Amino acid sequence: MLGNKIHQVYKLDIITAEANYREQGHFLYSFAFREVHPNISFL
């Protein structure tokens, strides 16, 4: 919808968020990413 570059950025951010989530146990990432992209299901 927003173009391939945006999706690539989201992909990188998701990988980073997942790593941080596992490392730190933060729930902020899941809330933030559900807000931005409700279809993300790994959290």
PDB file of N, CA and C in Angstrom:
ATOM      1  N   MET A   1       0.828  -1.198   0.000  1.00  0.00           N
ATOM      2  CA  MET A   1       0.000   0.000   0.000  1.00  0.00           C
ATOM      3  C   MET A   1       0.871   1.260   0.000  1.00  0.00           C
ATOM      4  N   LEU A   2       1.883   1.257   0.873  1.00  0.00           N
ATOM      5  CA  LEU A   2       2.746   2.428   1.002  1.00  0.00           C
ATOM      6  C   LEU A   2       4.054   2.292   0.221  1.00  0.00           C
ATOM      7  N   GLY A   3       4.230   1.164  -0.438  1.00  0.00           N
ATOM      8  CA  GLY A   3       5.437   0.983  -1.244  1.00  0.00           C
ATOM      9  C   GLY A   3       6.432   0.035  -0.603  1.00  0.00           C
ATOM     10  N   ASN A   4       7.332  -0.494  -1.436  1.00  0.00           N
ATOM     11  CA  ASN A   4       8.263  -1.526  -0.986  1.00  0.00           C
ATOM     12  C   ASN A   4       9.258  -1.010   0.044  1.00  0.00           C
ATOM     13  N   LYS A   5       9.717   0.238  -0.107  1.00  0.00           N
ATOM     14  CA  LYS A   5      10.693   0.778   0.843  1.00  0.00           C
ATOM     15  C   LYS A   5      10.121   0.806   2.253  1.00  0.00           C
ATOM     16  N   ILE A   6       8.887   1.246   2.372  1.00  0.00           N
ATOM     17  CA  ILE A   6       8.235   1.289   3.685  1.00  0.00           C
ATOM     18  C   ILE A   6       8.159  -0.109   4.282  1.00  0.00           C
ATOM     19  N   HIS A   7       7.781  -1.086   3.456  1.00  0.00           N
ATOM     20  CA  HIS A   7       7.666  -2.456   3.947  1.00  0.00           C
ATOM     21  C   HIS A   7       9.012  -3.017   4.384  1.00  0.00           C
ATOM     22  N   GLN A   8      10.080  -2.667   3.661  1.00  0.00           N
ATOM     23  CA  GLN A   8      11.415  -3.106   4.055  1.00  0.00           C
ATOM     24  C   GLN A   8      11.790  -2.510   5.405  1.00  0.00           C
ATOM     25  N   VAL A   9      11.468  -1.245   5.614  1.00  0.00           N
ATOM     26  CA  VAL A   9      11.746  -0.589   6.891  1.00  0.00           C
ATOM     27  C   VAL A   9      10.962  -1.276   8.007  1.00  0.00           C
ATOM     28  N   TYR A  10       9.679  -1.530   7.767  1.00  0.00           N
ATOM     29  CA  TYR A  10       8.875  -2.241   8.759  1.00  0.00           C
ATOM     30  C   TYR A  10       9.489  -3.599   9.089  1.00  0.00           C
ATOM     31  N   LYS A  11       9.950  -4.304   8.051  1.00  0.00           N
ATOM     32  CA  LYS A  11      10.532  -5.625   8.244  1.00  0.00           C
ATOM     33  C   LYS A  11      11.739  -5.539   9.175  1.00  0.00           C
ATOM     34  N   LEU A  12      12.627  -4.578   8.910  1.00  0.00           N
ATOM     35  CA  LEU A  12      13.803  -4.390   9.764  1.00  0.00           C
ATOM     36  C   LEU A  12      13.388  -4.017  11.181  1.00  0.00           C
ATOM     37  N   ASP A  13      12.441  -3.115  11.314  1.00  0.00           N
ATOM     38  CA  ASP A  13      11.970  -2.691  12.630  1.00  0.00           C
ATOM     39  C   ASP A  13      11.353  -3.860  13.392  1.00  0.00           C
ATOM     40  N   ILE A  14      10.636  -4.714  12.673  1.00  0.00           N
ATOM     41  CA  ILE A  14      10.000  -5.866  13.313  1.00  0.00           C
ATOM     42  C   ILE A  14      11.059  -6.824  13.842  1.00  0.00           C
ATOM     43  N   ILE A  15      12.087  -7.080  13.038  1.00  0.00           N
ATOM     44  CA  ILE A  15      13.169  -7.966  13.480  1.00  0.00           C
ATOM     45  C   ILE A  15      13.843  -7.385  14.720  1.00  0.00           C
ATOM     46  N   THR A  16      14.108  -6.084  14.691  1.00  0.00           N
ATOM     47  CA  THR A  16      14.737  -5.406  15.834  1.00  0.00           C
ATOM     48  C   THR A  16      13.833  -5.463  17.061  1.00  0.00           C
ATOM     49  N   ALA A  17      12.564  -5.200  16.858  1.00  0.00           N
ATOM     50  CA  ALA A  17      11.607  -5.211  17.963  1.00  0.00           C
ATOM     51  C   ALA A  17      11.490  -6.602  18.561  1.00  0.00           C
ATOM     52  N   GLU A  18      11.489  -7.610  17.705  1.00  0.00           N
ATOM     53  CA  GLU A  18      11.391  -8.982  18.188  1.00  0.00           C
ATOM     54  C   GLU A  18      12.601  -9.336  19.032  1.00  0.00           C
ATOM     55  N   ALA A  19      13.791  -8.949  18.557  1.00  0.00           N
ATOM     56  CA  ALA A  19      15.023  -9.204  19.315  1.00  0.00           C
ATOM     57  C   ALA A  19      14.984  -8.495  20.663  1.00  0.00           C
ATOM     58  N   ASN A  20      14.576  -7.234  20.655  1.00  0.00           N
ATOM     59  CA  ASN A  20      14.507  -6.471  21.903  1.00  0.00           C
ATOM     60  C   ASN A  20      13.460  -7.040  22.846  1.00  0.00           C
ATOM     61  N   TYR A  21      12.341  -7.465  22.264  1.00  0.00           N
ATOM     62  CA  TYR A  21      11.256  -8.046  23.058  1.00  0.00           C
ATOM     63  C   TYR A  21      11.731  -9.298  23.778  1.00  0.00           C
ATOM     64  N   ARG A  22      12.416 -10.156  23.059  1.00  0.00           N
ATOM     65  CA  ARG A  22      12.910 -11.392  23.660  1.00  0.00           C
ATOM     66  C   ARG A  22      13.992 -11.106  24.684  1.00  0.00           C
ATOM     67  N   GLU A  23      14.832 -10.106  24.398  1.00  0.00           N
ATOM     68  CA  GLU A  23      15.947  -9.790  25.275  1.00  0.00           C
ATOM     69  C   GLU A  23      15.470  -9.117  26.564  1.00  0.00           C
ATOM     70  N   GLN A  24      14.575  -8.179  26.436  1.00  0.00           N
ATOM     71  CA  GLN A  24      14.190  -7.330  27.561  1.00  0.00           C
ATOM     72  C   GLN A  24      12.826  -7.674  28.154  1.00  0.00           C
ATOM     73  N   GLY A  25      12.032  -8.424  27.417  1.00  0.00           N
ATOM     74  CA  GLY A  25      10.702  -8.760  27.895  1.00  0.00           C
ATOM     75  C   GLY A  25       9.737  -7.590  27.883  1.00  0.00           C
ATOM     76  N   HIS A  26       9.923  -6.682  26.973  1.00  0.00           N
ATOM     77  CA  HIS A  26       9.079  -5.489  26.882  1.00  0.00           C
ATOM     78  C   HIS A  26       7.762  -5.796  26.186  1.00  0.00           C
ATOM     79  N   PHE A  27       6.696  -5.263  26.717  1.00  0.00           N
ATOM     80  CA  PHE A  27       5.411  -5.349  26.031  1.00  0.00           C
ATOM     81  C   PHE A  27       5.119  -4.086  25.218  1.00  0.00           C
ATOM     82  N   LEU A  28       5.915  -3.054  25.416  1.00  0.00           N
ATOM     83  CA  LEU A  28       5.727  -1.829  24.649  1.00  0.00           C
ATOM     84  C   LEU A  28       5.838  -2.076  23.152  1.00  0.00           C
ATOM     85  N   TYR A  29       6.751  -2.990  22.781  1.00  0.00           N
ATOM     86  CA  TYR A  29       6.943  -3.274  21.361  1.00  0.00           C
ATOM     87  C   TYR A  29       5.677  -3.862  20.756  1.00  0.00           C
ATOM     88  N   SER A  30       5.063  -4.798  21.445  1.00  0.00           N
ATOM     89  CA  SER A  30       3.862  -5.426  20.898  1.00  0.00           C
ATOM     90  C   SER A  30       2.749  -4.397  20.739  1.00  0.00           C
ATOM     91  N   PHE A  31       2.594  -3.510  21.728  1.00  0.00           N
ATOM     92  CA  PHE A  31       1.563  -2.485  21.618  1.00  0.00           C
ATOM     93  C   PHE A  31       1.869  -1.542  20.456  1.00  0.00           C
ATOM     94  N   ALA A  32       3.113  -1.093  20.369  1.00  0.00           N
ATOM     95  CA  ALA A  32       3.501  -0.150  19.318  1.00  0.00           C
ATOM     96  C   ALA A  32       3.281  -0.750  17.931  1.00  0.00           C
ATOM     97  N   PHE A  33       3.699  -2.026  17.766  1.00  0.00           N
ATOM     98  CA  PHE A  33       3.606  -2.619  16.442  1.00  0.00           C
ATOM     99  C   PHE A  33       2.191  -3.036  16.096  1.00  0.00           C
ATOM    100  N   ARG A  34       1.384  -3.397  17.081  1.00  0.00           N
ATOM    101  CA  ARG A  34      -0.031  -3.662  16.779  1.00  0.00           C
ATOM    102  C   ARG A  34      -0.724  -2.382  16.357  1.00  0.00           C
ATOM    103  N   GLU A  35      -0.296  -1.256  16.948  1.00  0.00           N
ATOM    104  CA  GLU A  35      -0.844   0.044  16.578  1.00  0.00           C
ATOM    105  C   GLU A  35      -0.508   0.370  15.127  1.00  0.00           C
ATOM    106  N   VAL A  36       0.751   0.106  14.748  1.00  0.00           N
ATOM    107  CA  VAL A  36       1.217   0.441  13.400  1.00  0.00           C
ATOM    108  C   VAL A  36       0.758  -0.583  12.372  1.00  0.00           C
ATOM    109  N   HIS A  37       0.816  -1.856  12.743  1.00  0.00           N
ATOM    110  CA  HIS A  37       0.565  -2.925  11.769  1.00  0.00           C
ATOM    111  C   HIS A  37      -0.169  -4.068  12.468  1.00  0.00           C
ATOM    112  N   PRO A  38      -1.506  -4.008  12.518  1.00  0.00           N
ATOM    113  CA  PRO A  38      -2.324  -4.955  13.301  1.00  0.00           C
ATOM    114  C   PRO A  38      -2.185  -6.417  12.879  1.00  0.00           C
ATOM    115  N   ASN A  39      -1.624  -6.682  11.686  1.00  0.00           N
ATOM    116  CA  ASN A  39      -1.531  -8.062  11.209  1.00  0.00           C
ATOM    117  C   ASN A  39      -0.322  -8.818  11.746  1.00  0.00           C
ATOM    118  N   ILE A  40       0.549  -8.121  12.465  1.00  0.00           N
ATOM    119  CA  ILE A  40       1.734  -8.788  13.025  1.00  0.00           C
ATOM    120  C   ILE A  40       1.277  -9.725  14.138  1.00  0.00           C
ATOM    121  N   SER A  41       1.734 -10.963  14.070  1.00  0.00           N
ATOM    122  CA  SER A  41       1.231 -11.961  15.018  1.00  0.00           C
ATOM    123  C   SER A  41       2.330 -12.632  15.836  1.00  0.00           C
ATOM    124  N   PHE A  42       3.630 -12.298  15.594  1.00  0.00           N
ATOM    125  CA  PHE A  42       4.687 -13.007  16.308  1.00  0.00           C
ATOM    126  C   PHE A  42       4.751 -12.631  17.776  1.00  0.00           C
ATOM    127  N   LEU A  43       4.192 -11.465  18.129  1.00  0.00           N
ATOM    128  CA  LEU A  43       4.120 -11.084  19.530  1.00  0.00           C
ATOM    129  C   LEU A  43       2.789 -11.560  20.094  1.00  0.00           C
TER     130      LEU A  43
END
